[in-house]
Amino acid sequence: MRQTRKLAAILSPVFLGFALMASGALAQRGTAKGDAWVASWGASQQIPEPQNALPSDDLRDATVRQIVHLSLGGSALRAHLSNAFGTAALHFTSVHIAHPKSPSAAAIDPASDRTLTFAGKPDVTIPPGAEYVSDPITMPVTPLSDLAVTFHLNAPPAQQTGHPGSRATSYYAHGDQVSAVDLSDAKKVDHWYQLAEIDVRTAAKSAVVVALGDSITDGHSATTNGNDRWTDVLAARLQAQRKTRNIGVSNQGIGGNHLLHDGLGPNVLARFDRDVLAPAGARWVIVFEGVNDLGGLTRTGEVPTEQHAAMVERVIAAYQQIAARAHESGLRIYGATITPYVGSDYYHPGPLSEADRQAVNQWVRAEGHFDAVIDFDAVVRDPQHPDRLLPAYDCGDHLHPSPAGYKAMGEAVPLSLFAK
């Protein structure tokens, strides 16, 4: 459970492993016999950049409605509200959940509207740096369906927590309108705020795949409200097969994320406990990171070969840390190769940067480093120009795949990797 996030902040490293195991055990409590709580949807939390944060006045006496796309279905659910990067306590005066009439509109089905409670109360105050899980609510949901989560704040957060790369439209308006069928006067923004995870209660053998990545996992250039990231394609494929219908996907990608230092969002090693170990029912992790580290090395100009060699070594060392921590917590970890980015107007990679990518991918593909390899590089590269994306899979910036590219990536992940 993500309650681990609070524990990690106050416990010494000696006790952190125990806290993780304890929280995992707690995730199974309070369910019917033979059931378990499993993350059906998730989003990595970060401090929104200034251009992605909402104006404070817009969050004063404000209702925020957000649409999320589930991977797994279940008989009940619970929501995780986050104040992970808050600098002061945040009071949610009311929180509701309902079925939206559309993934791209604010209207909900009023018959489905339910109040979420926290320790039996309809409001909750979340301390800075913490996350709270709602009380369970009996509300059957189907796989690959959408949910609308609506909350009201009297006062804005001192520091917002959210996920800018939602690829989904959120709605906000003044006044307490959590039960409103529609928010006709609402402003729109394509970001999520203060919402970290939706868990469903489902069969005990259910589990979740955590996709740990950067903007290519987050879905840059995917269709807004279209749910066509590679992780969405994978989730749909898992649901289409009888043997894998009990497996969900939690997208923990952050656009601009790095392995080695904070960029947009905390670096991978800093956010590993919260984003990989904490999601309810996590059993597998796909790590697909590194292009921002490699590209960032020479973004403003070429550097000596020694710096290229050092970067490759540091990226590989980070992978080793990730694999070790995953295995220590009983997760299987799959390494994904870094996709081509020659031609990128943002990174301007030269021959040495491409050699770095090839060196890292050679290590990823080698036996004994990960439990398996997902060769995204082989899926999306141009056979005639293997240092570039295939034009049909290129969104146009020569770095991020198009929706067609994401579809090919999602379809290339072997479902056999998730056999029990």
Protein backbone atom coordinates (compact mmCIF):
# COMPACT_ATOMS: atom_id res chain seq x y z
CA MET A 1 0.00 0.00 0.00
CA ARG A 2 1.06 3.55 -0.49
CA GLN A 3 0.86 4.14 3.25
CA THR A 4 4.49 3.10 2.95
CA ARG A 5 5.21 6.59 1.65
CA LYS A 6 4.49 8.13 5.06
CA LEU A 7 6.42 5.39 6.84
CA ALA A 8 9.46 5.79 4.62
CA ALA A 9 9.73 9.45 5.60
CA ILE A 10 9.95 8.76 9.32
CA LEU A 11 11.54 5.33 9.71
CA SER A 12 15.24 4.64 9.58
CA PRO A 13 16.52 2.52 6.66
CA VAL A 14 16.88 -0.43 9.03
CA PHE A 15 13.13 -0.57 9.48
CA LEU A 16 12.06 0.45 5.96
CA GLY A 17 12.08 -3.09 4.60
CA PHE A 18 9.86 -4.22 7.48
CA ALA A 19 7.50 -1.32 6.84
CA LEU A 20 7.16 -2.31 3.19
CA MET A 21 6.34 -5.91 4.09
CA ALA A 22 3.91 -4.79 6.77
CA SER A 23 2.09 -2.45 4.41
CA GLY A 24 1.84 -5.22 1.83
CA ALA A 25 0.19 -7.42 4.43
CA LEU A 26 -2.17 -4.62 5.37
CA ALA A 27 -3.22 -4.35 1.73
CA GLN A 28 -4.85 -7.75 2.04
CA ARG A 29 -6.79 -6.97 5.22
CA GLY A 30 -10.35 -5.80 5.18
CA THR A 31 -11.20 -7.84 2.07
CA ALA A 32 -13.55 -10.75 1.72
CA LYS A 33 -12.00 -14.18 1.98
CA GLY A 34 -10.20 -14.99 -1.26
CA ASP A 35 -10.12 -11.34 -2.39
CA ALA A 36 -7.30 -8.81 -2.61
CA TRP A 37 -6.79 -5.12 -3.25
CA VAL A 38 -4.98 -4.46 -6.53
CA ALA A 39 -4.07 -1.17 -8.22
CA SER A 40 -6.21 -0.75 -11.32
CA TRP A 41 -4.97 2.73 -12.19
CA GLY A 42 -2.08 4.87 -11.00
CA ALA A 43 -0.09 7.99 -11.78
CA SER A 44 3.31 9.06 -10.48
CA GLN A 45 3.18 12.17 -8.33
CA GLN A 46 5.41 15.22 -8.71
CA ILE A 47 5.41 18.98 -8.23
CA PRO A 48 3.67 20.42 -11.30
CA GLU A 49 5.89 22.82 -13.23
CA PRO A 50 4.75 26.47 -12.98
CA GLN A 51 3.05 26.31 -16.38
CA ASN A 52 1.19 23.14 -15.36
CA ALA A 53 0.10 24.22 -11.88
CA LEU A 54 -3.34 25.69 -11.42
CA PRO A 55 -3.60 29.31 -10.20
CA SER A 56 -4.17 29.31 -6.46
CA ASP A 57 -7.31 31.43 -6.77
CA ASP A 58 -8.81 28.81 -9.08
CA LEU A 59 -8.45 26.23 -6.31
CA ARG A 60 -10.05 28.36 -3.60
CA ASP A 61 -13.54 27.02 -2.85
CA ALA A 62 -13.14 24.81 -5.89
CA THR A 63 -14.43 21.52 -7.27
CA VAL A 64 -12.05 19.40 -9.36
CA ARG A 65 -13.33 16.49 -11.47
CA GLN A 66 -10.85 14.06 -13.04
CA ILE A 67 -11.38 11.07 -15.34
CA VAL A 68 -9.20 7.96 -15.07
CA HIS A 69 -9.14 4.75 -17.10
CA LEU A 70 -9.08 1.48 -15.14
CA SER A 71 -7.23 -1.65 -16.20
CA LEU A 72 -8.81 -4.20 -13.82
CA GLY A 73 -12.41 -4.50 -12.71
CA GLY A 74 -13.65 -5.44 -9.28
CA SER A 75 -16.51 -5.56 -6.80
CA ALA A 76 -15.35 -2.59 -4.70
CA LEU A 77 -12.83 0.21 -4.89
CA ARG A 78 -10.88 2.76 -2.94
CA ALA A 79 -9.02 5.92 -3.96
CA HIS A 80 -5.61 7.28 -2.96
CA LEU A 81 -5.44 11.05 -2.47
CA SER A 82 -1.95 12.50 -2.40
CA ASN A 83 -0.30 15.42 -0.68
CA ALA A 84 3.13 13.90 -1.35
CA PHE A 85 4.82 17.18 -2.23
CA GLY A 86 2.63 19.43 -0.13
CA THR A 87 4.28 21.72 2.39
CA ALA A 88 1.19 22.06 4.59
CA ALA A 89 -1.81 19.94 5.52
CA LEU A 90 -4.48 19.80 2.81
CA HIS A 91 -8.19 19.60 3.66
CA PHE A 92 -10.54 17.85 1.22
CA THR A 93 -14.05 18.84 2.33
CA SER A 94 -15.72 16.15 0.19
CA VAL A 95 -14.75 13.50 -2.34
CA HIS A 96 -17.11 11.68 -4.72
CA ILE A 97 -16.69 8.96 -7.31
CA ALA A 98 -18.96 8.12 -10.23
CA HIS A 99 -19.13 6.71 -13.74
CA PRO A 100 -18.55 9.44 -16.32
CA LYS A 101 -20.83 9.60 -19.34
CA SER A 102 -17.79 10.02 -21.55
CA PRO A 103 -14.00 9.91 -21.06
CA SER A 104 -13.81 13.39 -22.61
CA ALA A 105 -16.57 15.30 -20.78
CA ALA A 106 -17.35 16.38 -17.22
CA ALA A 107 -20.86 14.86 -17.07
CA ILE A 108 -21.44 11.84 -14.80
CA ASP A 109 -24.17 9.26 -14.40
CA PRO A 110 -25.96 10.60 -11.29
CA ALA A 111 -27.22 7.16 -10.33
CA SER A 112 -23.62 6.02 -9.86
CA ASP A 113 -22.46 8.98 -7.76
CA ARG A 114 -21.07 7.88 -4.39
CA THR A 115 -19.44 9.64 -1.45
CA LEU A 116 -15.99 8.47 -0.43
CA THR A 117 -15.18 8.49 3.28
CA PHE A 118 -12.02 8.43 5.32
CA ALA A 119 -12.27 6.76 8.73
CA GLY A 120 -16.02 7.04 8.24
CA LYS A 121 -16.03 10.79 7.60
CA PRO A 122 -16.73 12.57 4.30
CA ASP A 123 -13.82 14.98 4.71
CA VAL A 124 -10.13 14.37 5.28
CA THR A 125 -7.04 16.41 6.13
CA ILE A 126 -3.84 14.96 4.69
CA PRO A 127 -0.53 15.93 6.32
CA PRO A 128 2.29 17.30 4.16
CA GLY A 129 4.25 14.58 2.39
CA ALA A 130 1.53 11.99 2.95
CA GLU A 131 -1.12 10.04 1.09
CA TYR A 132 -4.47 8.80 2.37
CA VAL A 133 -6.51 5.85 1.17
CA SER A 134 -10.28 6.13 1.26
CA ASP A 135 -12.51 3.64 3.02
CA PRO A 136 -13.56 0.81 0.69
CA ILE A 137 -16.80 1.38 -1.16
CA THR A 138 -18.93 -1.31 -2.76
CA MET A 139 -19.13 -0.20 -6.38
CA PRO A 140 -18.67 -2.84 -9.09
CA VAL A 141 -16.52 -1.64 -11.97
CA THR A 142 -15.65 -3.37 -15.21
CA PRO A 143 -12.17 -3.70 -16.73
CA LEU A 144 -11.07 -0.93 -19.10
CA SER A 145 -13.84 1.37 -17.87
CA ASP A 146 -13.60 4.99 -16.74
CA LEU A 147 -14.17 6.64 -13.36
CA ALA A 148 -14.73 10.25 -12.42
CA VAL A 149 -13.19 11.34 -9.13
CA THR A 150 -14.44 14.70 -7.87
CA PHE A 151 -13.22 16.59 -4.82
CA HIS A 152 -13.80 19.99 -3.23
CA LEU A 153 -11.20 22.19 -1.55
CA ASN A 154 -11.95 25.23 0.60
CA ALA A 155 -8.38 26.44 0.31
CA PRO A 156 -5.71 25.73 -2.31
CA PRO A 157 -2.69 23.53 -1.55
CA ALA A 158 0.35 25.37 -0.28
CA GLN A 159 2.27 23.32 -2.85
CA GLN A 160 0.39 21.31 -5.47
CA THR A 161 0.99 17.61 -6.04
CA GLY A 162 -0.05 16.10 -9.33
CA HIS A 163 0.71 14.45 -12.62
CA PRO A 164 1.00 16.88 -15.55
CA GLY A 165 1.17 14.21 -18.28
CA SER A 166 -2.36 12.92 -17.84
CA ARG A 167 -3.35 12.81 -21.55
CA ALA A 168 -6.80 13.25 -20.02
CA THR A 169 -8.95 16.33 -19.47
CA SER A 170 -9.78 17.49 -15.95
CA TYR A 171 -12.42 20.05 -15.00
CA TYR A 172 -12.50 22.66 -12.22
CA ALA A 173 -15.02 25.24 -11.08
CA HIS A 174 -15.78 27.30 -8.00
CA GLY A 175 -18.18 26.13 -5.32
CA ASP A 176 -18.91 22.71 -3.90
CA GLN A 177 -20.25 20.84 -6.93
CA VAL A 178 -19.01 17.33 -6.20
CA SER A 179 -22.47 15.86 -6.89
CA ALA A 180 -23.21 17.98 -9.95
CA VAL A 181 -24.29 15.94 -12.97
CA ASP A 182 -22.26 18.27 -15.15
CA LEU A 183 -19.81 21.11 -14.65
CA SER A 184 -20.99 23.27 -17.50
CA ASP A 185 -19.09 26.35 -16.33
CA ALA A 186 -15.86 24.49 -15.62
CA LYS A 187 -12.42 25.35 -16.88
CA LYS A 188 -10.45 22.56 -18.52
CA VAL A 189 -6.87 21.39 -18.19
CA ASP A 190 -5.08 18.26 -19.37
CA HIS A 191 -3.42 17.39 -16.04
CA TRP A 192 -4.27 15.41 -12.91
CA TYR A 193 -3.96 16.78 -9.36
CA GLN A 194 -3.77 15.20 -5.88
CA LEU A 195 -4.93 11.77 -7.17
CA ALA A 196 -2.46 8.87 -7.12
CA GLU A 197 -4.20 5.50 -7.42
CA ILE A 198 -7.46 3.60 -7.71
CA ASP A 199 -7.53 0.10 -6.20
CA VAL A 200 -10.16 -2.53 -6.91
CA ARG A 201 -11.13 -5.53 -4.83
CA THR A 202 -10.81 -8.61 -6.96
CA ALA A 203 -9.63 -12.23 -6.93
CA ALA A 204 -6.73 -13.03 -4.62
CA LYS A 205 -4.56 -14.22 -7.50
CA SER A 206 -4.79 -10.84 -9.23
CA ALA A 207 -1.71 -8.65 -9.57
CA VAL A 208 -0.41 -5.58 -11.37
CA VAL A 209 2.38 -4.74 -13.80
CA VAL A 210 4.13 -1.48 -12.92
CA ALA A 211 5.46 0.42 -15.94
CA LEU A 212 8.34 2.61 -14.72
CA GLY A 213 9.37 5.12 -17.33
CA ASP A 214 9.65 8.59 -18.80
CA SER A 215 7.54 10.46 -21.36
CA ILE A 216 7.37 7.49 -23.74
CA THR A 217 5.63 5.52 -20.99
CA ASP A 218 3.69 8.58 -19.80
CA GLY A 219 2.35 8.80 -23.36
CA HIS A 220 3.68 12.00 -24.93
CA SER A 221 1.85 12.39 -28.28
CA ALA A 222 -0.77 9.79 -27.34
CA THR A 223 -4.36 10.84 -28.04
CA THR A 224 -5.82 13.06 -25.32
CA ASN A 225 -8.71 11.12 -23.71
CA GLY A 226 -7.95 8.27 -26.14
CA ASN A 227 -6.15 5.93 -23.73
CA ASP A 228 -3.77 4.68 -26.41
CA ARG A 229 -0.42 4.72 -24.60
CA TRP A 230 1.57 1.49 -24.92
CA THR A 231 0.53 0.64 -21.37
CA ASP A 232 -3.16 0.99 -22.34
CA VAL A 233 -2.61 -1.36 -25.28
CA LEU A 234 -0.94 -3.86 -22.94
CA ALA A 235 -3.80 -3.59 -20.42
CA ALA A 236 -6.37 -4.28 -23.16
CA ARG A 237 -4.41 -7.29 -24.38
CA LEU A 238 -4.22 -8.72 -20.87
CA GLN A 239 -8.00 -8.38 -20.53
CA ALA A 240 -8.57 -10.07 -23.89
CA GLN A 241 -6.98 -13.33 -22.72
CA ARG A 242 -8.73 -15.52 -20.17
CA LYS A 243 -5.47 -16.49 -18.46
CA THR A 244 -4.37 -12.88 -17.90
CA ARG A 245 -7.65 -11.12 -17.09
CA ASN A 246 -6.63 -10.87 -13.46
CA ILE A 247 -3.60 -8.70 -14.31
CA GLY A 248 -3.71 -4.90 -14.32
CA VAL A 249 -1.27 -2.21 -15.40
CA SER A 250 -0.16 0.83 -13.39
CA ASN A 251 1.49 3.52 -15.51
CA GLN A 252 4.27 5.14 -13.46
CA GLY A 253 5.82 7.17 -16.26
CA ILE A 254 6.83 10.81 -15.85
CA GLY A 255 7.61 12.99 -18.84
CA GLY A 256 11.20 14.25 -18.72
CA ASN A 257 12.16 11.79 -15.97
CA HIS A 258 15.76 10.69 -15.40
CA LEU A 259 17.50 7.77 -13.78
CA LEU A 260 20.28 9.81 -12.26
CA HIS A 261 18.99 13.22 -11.27
CA ASP A 262 15.78 15.09 -10.66
CA GLY A 263 14.28 16.64 -13.76
CA LEU A 264 10.55 16.64 -14.21
CA GLY A 265 9.67 14.68 -11.12
CA PRO A 266 12.06 12.89 -8.75
CA ASN A 267 14.71 10.64 -10.26
CA VAL A 268 13.84 6.96 -10.63
CA LEU A 269 15.83 5.74 -7.66
CA ALA A 270 14.29 8.41 -5.42
CA ARG A 271 10.72 7.52 -6.41
CA PHE A 272 11.17 3.74 -6.56
CA ASP A 273 9.56 2.90 -3.21
CA ARG A 274 6.52 5.11 -3.80
CA ASP A 275 5.92 4.31 -7.47
CA VAL A 276 7.04 0.67 -7.78
CA LEU A 277 6.92 -1.06 -4.41
CA ALA A 278 3.87 0.69 -2.96
CA PRO A 279 1.10 0.05 -5.54
CA ALA A 280 -1.30 -2.58 -4.23
CA GLY A 281 -0.67 -5.97 -5.79
CA ALA A 282 2.56 -5.06 -7.60
CA ARG A 283 4.24 -8.21 -8.93
CA TRP A 284 6.15 -7.18 -12.04
CA VAL A 285 7.98 -4.02 -13.10
CA ILE A 286 9.00 -2.96 -16.58
CA VAL A 287 11.83 -0.39 -16.44
CA PHE A 288 12.00 1.77 -19.57
CA GLU A 289 14.19 4.75 -18.68
CA GLY A 290 17.47 6.29 -19.76
CA VAL A 291 16.97 8.31 -22.94
CA ASN A 292 16.78 11.58 -21.00
CA ASP A 293 20.04 10.79 -19.21
CA LEU A 294 21.83 9.91 -22.45
CA GLY A 295 20.35 12.77 -24.43
CA GLY A 296 20.79 15.32 -21.70
CA LEU A 297 24.54 14.72 -21.59
CA THR A 298 25.09 16.57 -24.87
CA ARG A 299 21.97 18.68 -25.18
CA THR A 300 23.89 21.95 -25.09
CA GLY A 301 27.05 20.68 -26.78
CA GLU A 302 29.33 17.69 -27.27
CA VAL A 303 31.43 16.44 -24.36
CA PRO A 304 34.65 14.36 -24.21
CA THR A 305 34.43 10.61 -24.80
CA GLU A 306 35.34 10.01 -21.17
CA GLN A 307 32.08 11.65 -20.09
CA HIS A 308 30.14 9.44 -22.49
CA ALA A 309 31.76 6.33 -21.01
CA ALA A 310 31.03 7.53 -17.48
CA MET A 311 27.38 8.18 -18.35
CA VAL A 312 26.96 4.65 -19.74
CA GLU A 313 28.48 3.21 -16.56
CA ARG A 314 26.20 5.29 -14.34
CA VAL A 315 23.06 4.33 -16.28
CA ILE A 316 23.96 0.65 -16.04
CA ALA A 317 24.69 1.02 -12.31
CA ALA A 318 21.25 2.58 -11.84
CA TYR A 319 19.65 -0.37 -13.64
CA GLN A 320 21.51 -2.71 -11.29
CA GLN A 321 20.16 -0.80 -8.28
CA ILE A 322 16.62 -0.99 -9.62
CA ALA A 323 16.88 -4.72 -10.32
CA ALA A 324 18.32 -5.46 -6.89
CA ARG A 325 15.61 -3.50 -5.09
CA ALA A 326 12.87 -5.12 -7.14
CA HIS A 327 14.17 -8.61 -6.44
CA GLU A 328 14.58 -7.90 -2.73
CA SER A 329 10.87 -7.08 -2.63
CA GLY A 330 9.85 -10.19 -4.57
CA LEU A 331 9.09 -8.47 -7.88
CA ARG A 332 10.14 -9.76 -11.28
CA ILE A 333 11.78 -7.03 -13.34
CA TYR A 334 11.91 -6.69 -17.11
CA GLY A 335 14.31 -4.33 -18.84
CA ALA A 336 13.20 -2.42 -21.94
CA THR A 337 15.72 -1.24 -24.51
CA ILE A 338 16.03 2.50 -25.17
CA THR A 339 14.37 3.52 -28.43
CA PRO A 340 16.13 5.58 -31.18
CA TYR A 341 16.22 9.36 -31.03
CA VAL A 342 18.64 10.49 -33.74
CA GLY A 343 17.09 13.51 -35.44
CA SER A 344 15.57 14.82 -32.20
CA ASP A 345 15.48 18.60 -32.26
CA TYR A 346 15.53 18.61 -28.46
CA TYR A 347 18.60 16.45 -27.82
CA HIS A 348 20.53 16.71 -31.12
CA PRO A 349 22.28 13.36 -30.55
CA GLY A 350 25.51 12.72 -32.44
CA PRO A 351 27.45 9.52 -33.15
CA LEU A 352 28.79 9.28 -29.60
CA SER A 353 25.30 9.54 -28.06
CA GLU A 354 24.04 6.83 -30.41
CA ALA A 355 27.01 4.67 -29.40
CA ASP A 356 26.03 5.22 -25.76
CA ARG A 357 22.48 4.03 -26.52
CA GLN A 358 23.80 0.94 -28.27
CA ALA A 359 26.12 0.17 -25.36
CA VAL A 360 23.32 0.47 -22.81
CA ASN A 361 20.97 -1.65 -24.92
CA GLN A 362 23.65 -4.31 -25.35
CA TRP A 363 23.89 -4.55 -21.57
CA VAL A 364 20.10 -4.68 -21.17
CA ARG A 365 19.86 -7.51 -23.72
CA ALA A 366 22.61 -9.56 -22.08
CA GLU A 367 21.50 -12.52 -19.96
CA GLY A 368 21.50 -12.30 -16.20
CA HIS A 369 20.76 -8.61 -15.76
CA PHE A 370 16.96 -8.63 -15.89
CA ASP A 371 14.45 -11.45 -15.60
CA ALA A 372 13.54 -10.80 -19.25
CA VAL A 373 14.03 -8.18 -21.94
CA ILE A 374 11.37 -6.22 -23.85
CA ASP A 375 13.11 -4.99 -27.00
CA PHE A 376 11.21 -1.78 -27.77
CA ASP A 377 14.19 -0.60 -29.82
CA ALA A 378 13.71 -3.49 -32.25
CA VAL A 379 9.97 -2.78 -32.46
CA VAL A 380 10.04 0.91 -33.43
CA ARG A 381 13.37 1.47 -35.20
CA ASP A 382 13.62 2.01 -38.94
CA PRO A 383 15.34 -1.08 -40.45
CA GLN A 384 16.97 1.15 -43.06
CA HIS A 385 18.14 3.67 -40.45
CA PRO A 386 18.27 1.82 -37.11
CA ASP A 387 19.35 4.92 -35.23
CA ARG A 388 15.99 6.52 -36.06
CA LEU A 389 12.33 5.79 -35.39
CA LEU A 390 10.39 4.21 -38.22
CA PRO A 391 8.54 7.16 -39.85
CA ALA A 392 5.16 5.47 -39.36
CA TYR A 393 5.91 5.17 -35.64
CA ASP A 394 7.35 8.69 -35.22
CA CYS A 395 5.12 11.43 -33.81
CA GLY A 396 7.24 13.92 -35.73
CA ASP A 397 9.79 14.97 -33.12
CA HIS A 398 12.03 11.91 -33.77
CA LEU A 399 11.99 11.07 -30.07
CA HIS A 400 8.44 10.06 -29.12
CA PRO A 401 6.35 7.39 -30.85
CA SER A 402 3.05 8.17 -32.51
CA PRO A 403 -0.16 6.38 -31.44
CA ALA A 404 0.71 3.77 -34.09
CA GLY A 405 4.11 3.37 -32.50
CA TYR A 406 2.60 2.98 -29.04
CA LYS A 407 0.24 0.34 -30.42
CA ALA A 408 3.16 -1.62 -31.86
CA MET A 409 5.02 -1.38 -28.54
CA GLY A 410 2.04 -2.52 -26.47
CA GLU A 411 1.42 -5.43 -28.84
CA ALA A 412 5.06 -6.52 -28.67
CA VAL A 413 5.13 -7.19 -24.92
CA PRO A 414 4.91 -11.00 -24.50
CA LEU A 415 1.97 -11.88 -22.26
CA SER A 416 3.89 -15.01 -21.26
CA LEU A 417 6.04 -12.76 -19.06
CA PHE A 418 3.11 -12.53 -16.66
CA ALA A 419 2.38 -16.23 -16.32
CA LYS A 420 1.98 -17.24 -12.70
